[in-house]
């Protein structure tokens, strides 16, 4: 059984243009993707400056995005990170959150996503604080479906080192406090999980009291180290057998919107073809779909250089790679050139300020 597939635009760094988002929607909707959640880290009015409302131009862009999703039979959603609200959710903060939700209602989204990632969480009553905020948000919203992302969205101990030791039984408490209809995002055993197993997902479902909604951190490449690599290969480690254990499966795309569509197009085949799935042939099919046969064969030959060695590893060959991809002149090829010349580099400062 294939879970509902979607996109969670949750990366750090340079923002996609609205045209690029429309292009991604146009490519993925026919492949079976059913929702798109807009939550790029660079949109400060959904994160550190969440109390500020989007201006008229920004609101119009978001409204057009929602309409474009609807025209392609995809659900639209927005991810809101109410930074600091869990520290003191007093009457003022509650009213500010309600005002923000009322503004988001004017956009016409289907899904509201409340995010608590990327913030300190070592409070003994963290689950209670966050459940109160989520309850306020959904009680004020006209959206028809709700998601949330916990502060500790993986079993990965890296989260505890960066954001403080997670409170005991955090997931279990959260699961009991949240309305059963609220979907909970989860990235797996690691922040960027290499594979997913029935055993792990069943354990998470037991702790949460519901099937998790997968926030799959592939093909995202938004860290200072990862941004030097293109994540292009087909999905692996996502066997069809995990489908019944998931409520949704959303991918966090790479910084390069069109190139992201290459691995994205292989995920539906992962589920649909099951044991007949061949990741090499699926890659070639998807790359051909995105950039044509010549581009696909070129990319297949260069996978090791672009994905494994990365931009720094092929520094002496950048001029030659740029010349080669300039010759095919497709949107995907132009993204490769932009990446090769540093256009998508992520800095530590971006992680600290977005």
Protein backbone atom coordinates (compact mmCIF):
# COMPACT_ATOMS: atom_id res chain seq x y z
CA UNK A 1 0.00 0.00 0.00
CA UNK A 2 1.39 3.37 -1.02
CA UNK A 3 1.00 6.12 1.61
CA UNK A 4 -0.08 9.59 0.54
CA UNK A 5 2.98 11.23 -1.02
CA UNK A 6 3.90 14.87 -0.65
CA UNK A 7 6.60 17.54 -0.47
CA UNK A 8 7.66 19.40 2.68
CA UNK A 9 9.72 22.38 1.57
CA UNK A 10 11.74 22.56 4.76
CA UNK A 11 15.33 23.34 3.76
CA UNK A 12 17.78 26.08 4.80
CA UNK A 13 19.38 28.50 2.35
CA UNK A 14 18.36 30.09 -0.90
CA UNK A 15 14.64 30.17 -1.62
CA UNK A 16 13.00 28.74 -4.71
CA UNK A 17 11.17 31.19 -6.91
CA UNK A 18 7.40 30.88 -7.15
CA UNK A 19 7.78 29.79 -10.77
CA UNK A 20 10.13 27.02 -9.64
CA UNK A 21 7.54 25.84 -7.11
CA UNK A 22 4.87 25.77 -9.81
CA UNK A 23 7.21 23.81 -12.09
CA UNK A 24 7.85 21.25 -9.34
CA UNK A 25 4.13 20.90 -8.66
CA UNK A 26 3.47 20.45 -12.38
CA UNK A 27 6.06 17.65 -12.57
CA UNK A 28 5.16 15.78 -9.39
CA UNK A 29 1.37 15.98 -9.34
CA UNK A 30 0.97 13.66 -12.36
CA UNK A 31 3.34 11.18 -10.69
CA UNK A 32 1.03 10.82 -7.70
CA UNK A 33 2.17 13.48 -5.22
CA UNK A 34 -0.86 14.70 -3.33
CA UNK A 35 0.29 17.65 -1.18
CA UNK A 36 2.89 20.41 -0.95
CA UNK A 37 3.74 22.01 2.40
CA UNK A 38 5.47 25.37 2.09
CA UNK A 39 7.92 25.88 4.99
CA UNK A 40 11.33 27.11 3.72
CA UNK A 41 13.60 28.21 6.55
CA UNK A 42 14.35 31.49 4.78
CA UNK A 43 10.77 32.74 5.17
CA UNK A 44 11.28 34.51 8.50
CA UNK A 45 7.60 35.39 8.83
CA UNK A 46 6.93 31.71 9.35
CA UNK A 47 9.80 31.31 11.82
CA UNK A 48 11.76 33.82 13.91
CA UNK A 49 9.49 36.73 12.93
CA UNK A 50 6.32 34.64 12.93
CA UNK A 51 4.33 37.38 14.66
CA UNK A 52 4.75 39.59 11.57
CA UNK A 53 2.19 39.14 8.80
CA UNK A 54 3.19 38.65 5.18
CA UNK A 55 2.80 41.85 3.18
CA UNK A 56 0.29 42.15 0.34
CA UNK A 57 2.69 40.94 -2.36
CA UNK A 58 3.85 37.95 -0.29
CA UNK A 59 0.26 37.07 0.59
CA UNK A 60 -0.75 37.22 -3.06
CA UNK A 61 2.10 34.84 -3.98
CA UNK A 62 0.96 32.40 -1.29
CA UNK A 63 -2.64 32.62 -2.50
CA UNK A 64 -1.53 31.91 -6.08
CA UNK A 65 0.52 28.97 -4.81
CA UNK A 66 -2.56 27.51 -3.08
CA UNK A 67 -4.65 27.98 -6.22
CA UNK A 68 -1.98 26.36 -8.38
CA UNK A 69 -1.88 23.33 -6.08
CA UNK A 70 -5.67 23.06 -6.26
CA UNK A 71 -5.61 23.25 -10.06
CA UNK A 72 -3.21 20.28 -10.06
CA UNK A 73 -5.36 18.37 -7.55
CA UNK A 74 -2.75 18.73 -4.80
CA UNK A 75 -3.43 19.91 -1.25
CA UNK A 76 -1.55 23.04 -0.22
CA UNK A 77 -0.15 23.64 3.22
CA UNK A 78 1.95 26.10 5.19
CA UNK A 79 4.35 25.27 7.99
CA UNK A 80 4.43 27.75 10.89
CA UNK A 81 7.18 27.66 13.51
CA UNK A 82 6.03 29.75 16.51
CA UNK A 83 9.52 30.46 17.83
CA UNK A 84 9.62 31.15 21.54
CA UNK A 85 5.91 30.59 22.14
CA UNK A 86 6.65 27.45 24.16
CA UNK A 87 8.71 29.53 26.62
CA UNK A 88 5.74 31.61 27.75
CA UNK A 89 2.44 30.98 26.02
CA UNK A 90 0.64 33.76 27.83
CA UNK A 91 -2.47 35.67 26.79
CA UNK A 92 -0.45 37.96 24.51
CA UNK A 93 1.27 35.08 22.71
CA UNK A 94 -2.06 33.28 22.34
CA UNK A 95 -3.66 36.34 20.72
CA UNK A 96 -0.66 36.79 18.42
CA UNK A 97 -0.90 33.17 17.31
CA UNK A 98 -4.63 33.50 16.64
CA UNK A 99 -3.98 36.64 14.56
CA UNK A 100 -1.31 34.80 12.57
CA UNK A 101 -3.61 31.85 11.93
CA UNK A 102 -6.39 34.21 10.82
CA UNK A 103 -3.99 35.74 8.30
CA UNK A 104 -2.96 32.30 7.00
CA UNK A 105 -6.65 31.49 6.56
CA UNK A 106 -6.86 34.26 3.94
CA UNK A 107 -4.44 32.30 1.78
CA UNK A 108 -6.81 29.38 1.34
CA UNK A 109 -4.57 26.50 2.41
CA UNK A 110 -5.82 22.97 2.99
CA UNK A 111 -3.24 21.88 5.59
CA UNK A 112 -1.80 23.75 8.57
CA UNK A 113 1.53 22.48 9.88
CA UNK A 114 2.81 23.60 13.31
CA UNK A 115 6.57 23.05 13.59
CA UNK A 116 8.72 22.89 16.72
CA UNK A 117 12.00 21.84 15.11
CA UNK A 118 15.25 23.81 15.45
CA UNK A 119 14.59 25.13 18.96
CA UNK A 120 15.72 24.20 22.45
CA UNK A 121 13.48 21.56 24.02
CA UNK A 122 14.94 20.39 27.34
CA UNK A 123 11.85 21.25 29.41
CA UNK A 124 10.26 18.57 31.53
CA UNK A 125 6.77 19.65 30.40
CA UNK A 126 7.68 20.24 26.74
CA UNK A 127 4.92 17.96 25.41
CA UNK A 128 2.29 19.77 27.47
CA UNK A 129 3.50 23.20 26.32
CA UNK A 130 3.52 22.22 22.66
CA UNK A 131 0.17 20.44 22.77
CA UNK A 132 -1.39 23.62 24.19
CA UNK A 133 0.01 25.67 21.30
CA UNK A 134 -1.15 23.16 18.70
CA UNK A 135 -4.62 23.05 20.27
CA UNK A 136 -4.85 26.85 20.09
CA UNK A 137 -3.68 26.90 16.48
CA UNK A 138 -6.08 24.28 15.17
CA UNK A 139 -8.95 25.75 17.16
CA UNK A 140 -8.38 29.05 15.34
CA UNK A 141 -7.77 27.67 11.83
CA UNK A 142 -10.07 27.03 8.89
CA UNK A 143 -7.69 24.40 7.45
CA UNK A 144 -9.21 20.96 6.99
CA UNK A 145 -6.14 18.95 8.02
CA UNK A 146 -3.36 19.43 10.58
CA UNK A 147 0.23 18.29 11.01
CA UNK A 148 2.84 19.01 13.65
CA UNK A 149 6.57 18.37 13.91
CA UNK A 150 8.01 17.68 17.37
CA UNK A 151 11.24 19.23 18.63
CA UNK A 152 12.64 15.71 18.81
CA UNK A 153 11.50 14.37 15.46
CA UNK A 154 13.95 11.47 15.35
CA UNK A 155 15.66 9.09 17.74
CA UNK A 156 18.97 10.56 16.55
CA UNK A 157 21.04 11.62 19.63
CA UNK A 158 22.38 14.55 17.61
CA UNK A 159 19.14 16.39 18.42
CA UNK A 160 19.86 16.06 22.15
CA UNK A 161 23.40 17.36 21.72
CA UNK A 162 22.23 20.42 19.77
CA UNK A 163 18.90 21.27 21.44
CA UNK A 164 19.29 19.80 24.93
CA UNK A 165 18.35 16.43 26.39
CA UNK A 166 14.82 15.45 25.40
CA UNK A 167 12.41 15.02 28.30
CA UNK A 168 11.47 11.49 29.32
CA UNK A 169 8.54 9.88 27.48
CA UNK A 170 8.25 12.98 25.30
CA UNK A 171 6.69 11.22 22.30
CA UNK A 172 4.33 9.16 24.44
CA UNK A 173 3.05 12.26 26.26
CA UNK A 174 2.69 14.19 23.02
CA UNK A 175 0.74 11.36 21.44
CA UNK A 176 -1.71 11.23 24.33
CA UNK A 177 -2.22 15.01 24.42
CA UNK A 178 -2.68 15.63 20.69
CA UNK A 179 -5.99 15.05 18.95
CA UNK A 180 -5.72 11.66 17.18
CA UNK A 181 -6.54 13.38 13.87
CA UNK A 182 -3.32 15.43 13.97
CA UNK A 183 -0.54 13.93 11.87
CA UNK A 184 2.96 13.95 13.37
CA UNK A 185 6.07 14.35 11.22
CA UNK A 186 9.01 12.01 11.91
CA UNK A 187 12.37 11.66 10.10
CA UNK A 188 13.26 8.13 11.23
CA UNK A 189 16.09 6.62 13.22
CA UNK A 190 18.33 9.46 12.05
CA UNK A 191 17.77 13.05 11.00
CA UNK A 192 18.73 11.98 7.49
CA UNK A 193 17.74 8.33 7.56
CA UNK A 194 19.35 6.00 5.08
CA UNK A 195 16.52 3.48 5.32
CA UNK A 196 13.22 2.81 7.06
CA UNK A 197 12.12 -0.44 8.63
CA UNK A 198 8.79 -1.86 9.75
CA UNK A 199 10.19 -2.48 13.23
CA UNK A 200 11.19 1.14 13.76
CA UNK A 201 8.01 2.65 12.31
CA UNK A 202 5.82 0.29 14.35
CA UNK A 203 7.68 1.38 17.48
CA UNK A 204 7.14 5.06 16.68
CA UNK A 205 3.44 4.44 15.99
CA UNK A 206 3.09 2.75 19.38
CA UNK A 207 4.76 5.67 21.14
CA UNK A 208 2.72 8.29 19.29
CA UNK A 209 -0.58 6.44 19.27
CA UNK A 210 -0.82 6.94 15.50
CA UNK A 211 1.09 6.13 12.33
CA UNK A 212 3.89 8.66 11.78
CA UNK A 213 3.97 10.94 8.77
CA UNK A 214 7.42 10.56 7.26
CA UNK A 215 9.51 13.71 6.80
CA UNK A 216 12.07 12.13 4.51
CA UNK A 217 15.30 14.12 4.46
CA UNK A 218 16.29 13.01 0.98
CA UNK A 219 17.19 14.56 -1.45
CA UNK A 220 17.70 17.65 0.78
CA UNK A 221 21.27 18.98 0.69
CA UNK A 222 21.09 22.13 2.80
CA UNK A 223 23.97 21.87 5.28
CA UNK A 224 27.40 23.49 4.86
CA UNK A 225 28.81 20.06 4.07
CA UNK A 226 25.84 18.58 2.20
CA UNK A 227 25.46 21.62 -0.05
CA UNK A 228 28.67 20.57 -1.77
CA UNK A 229 26.92 17.44 -3.03
CA UNK A 230 23.99 16.94 -5.39
CA UNK A 231 21.57 14.27 -4.23
CA UNK A 232 20.37 12.78 -7.50
CA UNK A 233 20.17 9.01 -7.13
CA UNK A 234 16.89 7.13 -6.99
CA UNK A 235 15.28 6.39 -3.66
CA UNK A 236 16.47 3.22 -1.94
CA UNK A 237 15.92 1.96 1.60
CA UNK A 238 12.20 2.76 1.33
CA UNK A 239 10.69 -0.68 0.69
CA UNK A 240 7.05 -0.95 -0.28
CA UNK A 241 6.49 -3.01 2.87
CA UNK A 242 6.71 0.12 5.08
CA UNK A 243 3.74 1.74 3.32
CA UNK A 244 1.05 0.37 5.67
CA UNK A 245 2.99 1.74 8.65
CA UNK A 246 2.94 5.35 7.42
CA UNK A 247 0.19 7.95 7.36
CA UNK A 248 2.04 10.08 4.77
CA UNK A 249 5.43 10.15 3.08
CA UNK A 250 6.75 13.66 2.37
CA UNK A 251 10.15 14.39 0.90
CA UNK A 252 12.26 17.39 1.85
CA UNK A 253 13.69 18.46 -1.54
CA UNK A 254 17.17 19.63 -2.45
CA UNK A 255 18.08 23.27 -2.91
CA UNK A 256 17.87 22.67 -6.66
CA UNK A 257 14.13 22.45 -7.49
CA UNK A 258 14.22 20.82 -10.91
CA UNK A 259 17.02 18.40 -10.06
CA UNK A 260 15.04 17.39 -6.96
CA UNK A 261 12.36 16.05 -9.26
CA UNK A 262 14.68 13.30 -10.52
CA UNK A 263 14.80 11.31 -7.26
CA UNK A 264 11.27 12.46 -6.40
CA UNK A 265 9.88 10.78 -9.51
CA UNK A 266 11.39 7.45 -8.46
CA UNK A 267 9.63 7.26 -5.07
CA UNK A 268 6.18 6.32 -6.43
CA UNK A 269 7.84 3.46 -8.34
CA UNK A 270 9.52 2.31 -5.12
CA UNK A 271 6.07 1.63 -3.69
CA UNK A 272 4.23 0.62 -6.86
CA UNK A 273 6.81 -1.82 -8.24
CA UNK A 274 7.92 -3.32 -4.93
CA UNK A 275 10.30 -6.21 -5.66
CA UNK A 276 10.39 -5.30 -9.37
CA UNK A 277 11.86 -1.87 -8.57
CA UNK A 278 15.26 -1.25 -10.21
CA UNK A 279 16.83 1.96 -8.94
CA UNK A 280 19.27 2.39 -11.84
CA UNK A 281 16.65 2.14 -14.57
CA UNK A 282 14.24 4.29 -12.57
CA UNK A 283 16.93 6.97 -12.31
CA UNK A 284 17.47 6.94 -16.06
CA UNK A 285 13.72 7.16 -16.71
CA UNK A 286 13.30 10.07 -14.29
CA UNK A 287 16.34 11.98 -15.55
CA UNK A 288 15.11 11.56 -19.12
CA UNK A 289 11.71 12.87 -18.08
CA UNK A 290 13.33 15.95 -16.52
CA UNK A 291 16.10 16.79 -18.98
CA UNK A 292 15.89 14.56 -22.06
CA UNK A 293 17.86 11.49 -23.12
CA UNK A 294 21.20 13.21 -23.75
CA UNK A 295 21.12 14.94 -20.37
CA UNK A 296 20.08 11.72 -18.59
CA UNK A 297 22.96 9.68 -20.00
CA UNK A 298 25.42 12.46 -19.18
CA UNK A 299 24.12 12.68 -15.63
CA UNK A 300 24.26 8.92 -15.19
CA UNK A 301 27.95 8.96 -16.14
CA UNK A 302 28.64 11.84 -13.76
CA UNK A 303 26.73 10.60 -10.70
CA UNK A 304 29.86 9.61 -8.80
CA UNK A 305 31.49 12.99 -9.43
CA UNK A 306 28.45 15.15 -8.63
CA UNK A 307 26.94 13.19 -5.76
CA UNK A 308 29.87 11.40 -4.12
CA UNK A 309 32.97 13.49 -4.80
CA UNK A 310 30.99 16.73 -4.75
CA UNK A 311 31.81 20.26 -5.78
CA UNK A 312 34.98 20.51 -3.71
CA UNK A 313 36.17 17.12 -4.87
CA UNK A 314 35.95 18.09 -8.54
CA UNK A 315 37.23 21.67 -8.10
CA UNK A 316 39.89 21.20 -10.76
CA UNK A 317 37.27 20.00 -13.26
CA UNK A 318 34.56 22.62 -12.69
CA UNK A 319 35.26 24.50 -15.92
CA UNK A 320 34.96 21.34 -17.97
CA UNK A 321 31.75 20.26 -16.21
CA UNK A 322 30.25 23.72 -16.78
CA UNK A 323 31.13 23.60 -20.47
CA UNK A 324 29.61 20.13 -20.84
CA UNK A 325 26.29 20.97 -19.17
CA UNK A 326 26.02 24.35 -20.87
CA UNK A 327 25.93 22.46 -24.18
CA UNK A 328 22.63 20.71 -23.31
CA UNK A 329 21.07 23.91 -21.90
CA UNK A 330 18.08 22.56 -19.97
CA UNK A 331 16.73 24.00 -16.70
CA UNK A 332 18.21 21.04 -14.82
CA UNK A 333 21.59 21.50 -16.53
CA UNK A 334 21.55 25.20 -15.61
CA UNK A 335 20.99 24.24 -11.97
CA UNK A 336 24.09 22.04 -12.11
CA UNK A 337 26.14 24.94 -13.44
CA UNK A 338 24.75 27.25 -10.76
CA UNK A 339 25.68 24.70 -8.10
CA UNK A 340 29.16 24.16 -9.55
CA UNK A 341 29.87 27.88 -9.36
CA UNK A 342 28.76 28.20 -5.71
CA UNK A 343 25.24 29.51 -6.20
CA UNK A 344 23.74 27.03 -3.73
CA UNK A 345 26.45 27.05 -1.04
CA UNK A 346 25.10 26.94 2.52
CA UNK A 347 26.92 28.63 5.38
CA UNK A 348 26.80 28.10 9.12
CA UNK A 349 25.43 31.62 9.43
CA UNK A 350 22.35 30.57 7.44
CA UNK A 351 21.69 27.74 9.91
CA UNK A 352 21.97 30.12 12.85
CA UNK A 353 19.80 32.93 11.49
CA UNK A 354 17.08 31.36 9.31
